[in-house]
Amino acid sequence: YRVNIVHRPKPASALAHPGNTELHYIIDGGGTIVTGGQLDEAAGADATIRNGVSRRVTKGDVIIIPANTPHWYQQVDGAITYLEVRFVAPPR
C-alpha cells in the first residue's frame, strides 16, 4: 500500500499506474477528473487523455481508478486536496 495526501493547486499531467489501483477521497476543493480513454503523450510532460470520461468531483467524493487506467485532474477549482491510496487489487 502507498498512502499520500495530495494537494494540487493546478492540474497536472495525465498518467496511469501499471499494476496499481487507486482510491481518491476528496478532502477539500473540487474539479474535473478524466478517466479511461488513451493517454496522449504527444505533448511530452503535459500528457492529456483522448476519449476519456469526465466527472465533476467535490469534497467527500470517492473515486476508484483501476490499475493501468489513465487519469487526469483536467480542471481544478482553485485547489484540490485528496487522500490517495494505491494498492494491488485482488484478481476477479
Protein backbone atom coordinates (compact mmCIF):
# COMPACT_ATOMS: atom_id res chain seq x y z
CA TYR A 1 0.00 0.00 0.00
CA ARG A 2 1.00 3.57 -0.59
CA VAL A 3 -0.94 6.32 1.16
CA ASN A 4 -0.50 10.04 0.46
CA ILE A 5 -2.25 13.33 0.95
CA VAL A 6 -2.07 15.12 -2.42
CA HIS A 7 -2.64 18.86 -2.77
CA ARG A 8 -2.92 20.20 -6.31
CA PRO A 9 -3.17 23.96 -6.80
CA LYS A 10 -3.43 23.37 -10.57
CA PRO A 11 -3.94 20.47 -12.99
CA ALA A 12 -1.04 18.07 -13.60
CA SER A 13 -0.19 15.78 -16.49
CA ALA A 14 -2.32 12.69 -17.23
CA LEU A 15 -0.88 9.31 -16.21
CA ALA A 16 -1.60 5.65 -15.48
CA HIS A 17 -0.08 3.39 -12.82
CA PRO A 18 0.83 -0.10 -14.07
CA GLY A 19 -0.49 -2.75 -11.68
CA ASN A 20 -1.81 -0.35 -9.03
CA THR A 21 -5.43 0.53 -8.33
CA GLU A 22 -6.01 3.93 -6.72
CA LEU A 23 -8.63 5.30 -4.37
CA HIS A 24 -9.00 9.09 -4.14
CA TYR A 25 -11.05 10.60 -1.29
CA ILE A 26 -11.60 14.32 -1.87
CA ILE A 27 -10.77 16.12 1.39
CA ASP A 28 -11.19 19.69 0.14
CA GLY A 29 -11.88 21.58 -3.07
CA GLY A 30 -13.10 20.19 -6.34
CA GLY A 31 -12.50 19.90 -10.04
CA THR A 32 -12.94 17.68 -13.07
CA ILE A 33 -11.29 14.27 -13.31
CA VAL A 34 -10.96 12.42 -16.61
CA THR A 35 -10.54 8.63 -16.55
CA GLY A 36 -10.22 5.91 -19.16
CA GLY A 37 -9.54 6.58 -22.82
CA GLN A 38 -5.98 6.73 -24.12
CA LEU A 39 -3.01 8.71 -22.87
CA ASP A 40 -1.95 11.33 -25.40
CA GLU A 41 1.72 11.85 -24.61
CA ALA A 42 2.49 13.83 -27.78
CA ALA A 43 2.86 16.98 -25.67
CA GLY A 44 5.65 15.39 -23.60
CA ALA A 45 5.40 16.35 -19.93
CA ASP A 46 1.87 17.70 -20.44
CA ALA A 47 0.15 14.41 -21.36
CA THR A 48 -3.64 14.51 -21.72
CA ILE A 49 -6.37 11.91 -22.30
CA ARG A 50 -8.31 11.26 -25.51
CA ASN A 51 -11.81 9.72 -25.36
CA GLY A 52 -11.97 9.57 -21.57
CA VAL A 53 -14.95 10.14 -19.29
CA SER A 54 -15.13 13.48 -17.40
CA ARG A 55 -16.69 13.77 -13.95
CA ARG A 56 -17.04 16.66 -11.51
CA VAL A 57 -15.74 15.86 -8.03
CA THR A 58 -16.10 17.77 -4.77
CA LYS A 59 -15.35 17.38 -1.08
CA GLY A 60 -16.49 13.98 0.20
CA ASP A 61 -16.41 12.17 -3.16
CA VAL A 62 -14.54 8.88 -3.56
CA ILE A 63 -13.05 7.77 -6.87
CA ILE A 64 -11.72 4.28 -7.67
CA ILE A 65 -9.24 4.17 -10.55
CA PRO A 66 -8.49 0.60 -11.69
CA ALA A 67 -4.89 -0.42 -12.41
CA ASN A 68 -3.47 0.78 -15.73
CA THR A 69 -6.33 3.28 -16.21
CA PRO A 70 -5.34 6.73 -17.48
CA HIS A 71 -6.48 9.51 -15.15
CA TRP A 72 -6.10 13.27 -15.03
CA TYR A 73 -7.42 16.15 -12.98
CA GLN A 74 -8.14 18.24 -16.07
CA GLN A 75 -9.51 21.19 -14.14
CA VAL A 76 -9.02 22.27 -10.52
CA ASP A 77 -11.32 24.79 -8.82
CA GLY A 78 -8.72 26.89 -7.00
CA ALA A 79 -7.09 23.81 -5.43
CA ILE A 80 -7.96 20.21 -4.63
CA THR A 81 -6.71 18.04 -1.77
CA TYR A 82 -7.29 14.30 -1.66
CA LEU A 83 -6.25 11.17 0.18
CA GLU A 84 -4.66 8.80 -2.33
CA VAL A 85 -4.34 5.08 -1.58
CA ARG A 86 -2.51 2.86 -4.11
CA PHE A 87 -2.81 -0.90 -3.86
CA VAL A 88 -2.80 -4.11 -5.87
CA ALA A 89 -6.42 -5.22 -6.22
CA PRO A 90 -7.13 -8.94 -5.99
CA PRO A 91 -7.85 -10.63 -9.34
CA ARG A 92 -11.51 -11.04 -10.29
